[in-house]
Amino acid sequence: EAVRRAAARWSLPGPYVLFVGTVEPRKNVDTLLDAWSGVARELRAQYDLVVAGPAGWADARTHVRLRGGEAGVRYLGYVDEADLPGLTGGAAAFVYPSLYEGFGLPVAQAMAAGVPVITSNVSSMPEVAGGAALLVDPHSASELTAAIGRLLGDAQLRAELASRGLDRSRRFRWEESARQSLNFFRKVCG
């Protein structure tokens, strides 16, 4: 139901690849847009790239690209927190080529929604993904293009990563975090 509501609210009639985050330099949206333009035309005809998140402080050219009506690219701007589960759950894939993250919550959220993920091989992203995502060099548009093409062209790979992501995301539930914290404090306090 949440997926259907999000698709209707944001006028998303077909399958899409999703990025969620503030549009700022470290989120690497320009490289994502460059990579998307290199994805095979037949795949771009089947999928849209949907970018959701507040405008932030990215270069003005990035905002022009997002709002410029580039074929197959939809910029939603800020999306209310209540709409994110449906928007995320409806995605065919989640792409997050961030250059730096303290944790990478959007990746964990996408995995928890059963959406296959492509993310950076730097910062905290490999640890968050834990083998449940395709990892790419975030400085390489061509590597990101290849990963997007590979994932969208292989339904079995999407299903496998979605399943592994769901399993991985269980480590990030609040109950699990509380249990691990309690165990840590028990060890420290004796």
Protein backbone atom coordinates (compact mmCIF):
# COMPACT_ATOMS: atom_id res chain seq x y z
CA GLU A 1 0.00 0.00 0.00
CA ALA A 2 2.81 2.44 0.88
CA VAL A 3 4.52 1.72 -2.45
CA ARG A 4 1.29 2.37 -4.37
CA ARG A 5 0.64 5.62 -2.46
CA ALA A 6 4.19 6.88 -3.08
CA ALA A 7 4.00 6.03 -6.79
CA ALA A 8 0.70 7.90 -7.11
CA ARG A 9 1.79 10.88 -5.04
CA TRP A 10 5.03 11.35 -7.00
CA SER A 11 3.61 10.30 -10.40
CA LEU A 12 5.96 7.34 -10.85
CA PRO A 13 4.18 5.12 -13.36
CA GLY A 14 7.03 2.72 -14.13
CA PRO A 15 10.09 1.09 -12.61
CA TYR A 16 12.81 3.36 -11.30
CA VAL A 17 16.27 3.49 -9.79
CA LEU A 18 16.37 5.60 -6.64
CA PHE A 19 18.85 7.89 -4.95
CA VAL A 20 17.89 9.53 -1.63
CA GLY A 21 19.96 12.24 0.00
CA THR A 22 20.63 15.93 0.27
CA VAL A 23 22.08 17.23 -2.97
CA GLU A 24 25.55 18.19 -1.78
CA PRO A 25 29.05 17.49 -3.09
CA ARG A 26 29.83 14.45 -0.93
CA LYS A 27 26.69 12.66 -2.15
CA ASN A 28 28.25 12.59 -5.63
CA VAL A 29 25.09 13.30 -7.61
CA ASP A 30 27.03 14.61 -10.63
CA THR A 31 28.84 11.30 -11.02
CA LEU A 32 25.50 9.50 -10.67
CA LEU A 33 24.01 11.67 -13.44
CA ASP A 34 27.08 11.08 -15.62
CA ALA A 35 26.82 7.34 -15.00
CA TRP A 36 23.10 7.28 -15.74
CA SER A 37 23.64 8.96 -19.11
CA GLY A 38 26.02 6.11 -19.98
CA VAL A 39 23.54 3.32 -19.15
CA ALA A 40 22.35 1.47 -22.26
CA ARG A 41 19.53 3.31 -24.00
CA GLU A 42 17.19 0.29 -23.84
CA LEU A 43 17.56 0.13 -20.04
CA ARG A 44 17.02 3.89 -19.67
CA ALA A 45 13.85 3.46 -21.75
CA GLN A 46 12.57 0.95 -19.18
CA TYR A 47 13.68 2.73 -15.97
CA ASP A 48 13.79 6.28 -14.68
CA LEU A 49 16.42 7.63 -12.32
CA VAL A 50 14.61 9.24 -9.40
CA VAL A 51 16.56 11.62 -7.15
CA ALA A 52 14.86 12.47 -3.87
CA GLY A 53 16.22 14.90 -1.32
CA PRO A 54 16.47 18.58 -0.47
CA ALA A 55 18.49 20.88 -2.71
CA GLY A 56 21.40 21.32 -0.30
CA TRP A 57 24.56 23.16 -1.25
CA ALA A 58 25.67 21.45 -4.44
CA ASP A 59 27.09 23.45 -7.32
CA ALA A 60 24.44 25.40 -9.22
CA ARG A 61 25.21 23.31 -12.32
CA THR A 62 24.16 20.18 -10.44
CA HIS A 63 20.79 21.74 -9.66
CA VAL A 64 20.39 22.81 -13.28
CA ARG A 65 21.07 19.24 -14.39
CA LEU A 66 18.53 17.85 -11.93
CA ARG A 67 15.82 20.31 -12.83
CA GLY A 68 16.71 20.53 -16.52
CA GLY A 69 14.42 17.79 -17.67
CA GLU A 70 17.17 15.37 -18.67
CA ALA A 71 15.39 12.40 -20.26
CA GLY A 72 14.63 9.70 -17.73
CA VAL A 73 15.77 11.73 -14.70
CA ARG A 74 13.19 12.83 -12.15
CA TYR A 75 14.13 15.18 -9.32
CA LEU A 76 11.53 15.10 -6.57
CA GLY A 77 13.22 17.49 -4.15
CA TYR A 78 12.45 17.05 -0.47
CA VAL A 79 10.39 13.95 0.31
CA ASP A 80 8.61 13.74 3.65
CA GLU A 81 9.93 11.01 5.94
CA ALA A 82 6.51 9.32 5.89
CA ASP A 83 6.77 8.83 2.11
CA LEU A 84 10.30 7.39 2.08
CA PRO A 85 9.42 3.76 2.91
CA GLY A 86 6.98 3.54 0.02
CA LEU A 87 9.26 5.42 -2.36
CA THR A 88 12.19 3.21 -1.41
CA GLY A 89 10.21 -0.03 -1.42
CA GLY A 90 8.96 0.67 -4.92
CA ALA A 91 12.42 1.10 -6.42
CA ALA A 92 13.91 -1.54 -8.71
CA ALA A 93 17.34 -0.58 -7.34
CA PHE A 94 18.90 1.90 -4.95
CA VAL A 95 22.08 3.71 -5.99
CA TYR A 96 24.14 5.62 -3.44
CA PRO A 97 27.60 6.64 -4.72
CA SER A 98 28.45 8.82 -1.72
CA LEU A 99 32.06 9.85 -1.21
CA TYR A 100 31.80 9.91 2.57
CA GLU A 101 29.29 8.76 5.17
CA GLY A 102 29.47 8.39 8.91
CA PHE A 103 27.12 5.42 8.67
CA GLY A 104 25.05 5.34 5.46
CA LEU A 105 21.52 5.02 6.77
CA PRO A 106 19.89 5.25 3.30
CA VAL A 107 21.72 2.06 2.27
CA ALA A 108 20.52 0.22 5.38
CA GLN A 109 16.98 1.50 4.78
CA ALA A 110 17.00 0.34 1.16
CA MET A 111 18.24 -3.10 2.19
CA ALA A 112 15.53 -3.28 4.88
CA ALA A 113 12.96 -2.52 2.17
CA GLY A 114 14.23 -5.45 0.09
CA VAL A 115 15.71 -3.26 -2.62
CA PRO A 116 19.03 -4.24 -4.25
CA VAL A 117 21.77 -1.68 -3.65
CA ILE A 118 24.75 -0.24 -5.48
CA THR A 119 26.98 1.89 -3.27
CA SER A 120 30.52 3.18 -2.82
CA ASN A 121 33.50 1.04 -1.95
CA VAL A 122 34.82 3.77 0.37
CA SER A 123 34.06 5.22 3.79
CA SER A 124 31.57 3.23 5.87
CA MET A 125 29.64 1.88 2.89
CA PRO A 126 31.39 -1.52 2.56
CA GLU A 127 30.86 -2.15 6.27
CA VAL A 128 27.17 -1.22 6.08
CA ALA A 129 26.63 -3.26 2.91
CA GLY A 130 28.47 -6.26 4.33
CA GLY A 131 28.55 -8.15 1.03
CA ALA A 132 24.87 -7.47 0.29
CA ALA A 133 25.42 -4.77 -2.37
CA LEU A 134 27.43 -4.06 -5.47
CA LEU A 135 30.35 -1.81 -4.50
CA VAL A 136 31.87 0.68 -6.93
CA ASP A 137 34.57 3.31 -6.98
CA PRO A 138 32.50 6.49 -6.48
CA HIS A 139 34.99 8.50 -8.55
CA SER A 140 34.39 6.33 -11.61
CA ALA A 141 31.25 7.10 -13.61
CA SER A 142 32.08 4.22 -15.94
CA GLU A 143 32.26 1.73 -13.06
CA LEU A 144 28.95 3.02 -11.74
CA THR A 145 27.42 2.81 -15.23
CA ALA A 146 28.56 -0.81 -15.55
CA ALA A 147 27.12 -1.72 -12.13
CA ILE A 148 23.76 -0.11 -12.92
CA GLY A 149 23.61 -1.91 -16.26
CA ARG A 150 24.60 -5.21 -14.68
CA LEU A 151 21.98 -4.94 -11.93
CA LEU A 152 19.11 -3.76 -14.13
CA GLY A 153 19.93 -6.40 -16.74
CA ASP A 154 19.99 -9.33 -14.32
CA ALA A 155 16.76 -10.14 -12.44
CA GLN A 156 18.45 -13.01 -10.59
CA LEU A 157 21.19 -10.70 -9.28
CA ARG A 158 18.55 -8.17 -8.15
CA ALA A 159 16.68 -10.91 -6.28
CA GLU A 160 19.88 -12.25 -4.70
CA LEU A 161 21.04 -8.81 -3.52
CA ALA A 162 17.55 -7.97 -2.24
CA SER A 163 17.52 -11.17 -0.17
CA ARG A 164 21.04 -10.66 1.17
CA GLY A 165 20.21 -7.03 1.93
CA LEU A 166 17.15 -8.00 3.96
CA ASP A 167 19.28 -10.41 5.99
CA ARG A 168 22.00 -7.79 6.45
CA SER A 169 19.56 -5.06 7.48
CA ARG A 170 18.44 -7.08 10.51
CA ARG A 171 21.73 -6.10 12.16
CA PHE A 172 20.63 -2.46 12.09
CA ARG A 173 17.31 -2.74 13.93
CA TRP A 174 16.96 -0.72 17.09
CA GLU A 175 16.41 -3.87 19.16
CA GLU A 176 19.69 -5.33 17.89
CA SER A 177 21.53 -2.07 18.52
CA ALA A 178 20.20 -1.97 22.07
CA ARG A 179 21.18 -5.62 22.66
CA GLN A 180 24.73 -5.02 21.40
CA SER A 181 25.05 -1.84 23.48
CA LEU A 182 23.87 -3.64 26.61
CA ASN A 183 26.39 -6.45 26.01
CA PHE A 184 29.15 -3.87 25.56
CA PHE A 185 28.29 -2.12 28.83
CA ARG A 186 28.10 -5.44 30.66
CA LYS A 187 31.61 -6.28 29.47
CA VAL A 188 32.97 -2.85 30.41
CA CYS A 189 31.33 -2.84 33.84
CA GLY A 190 32.16 -6.46 34.55
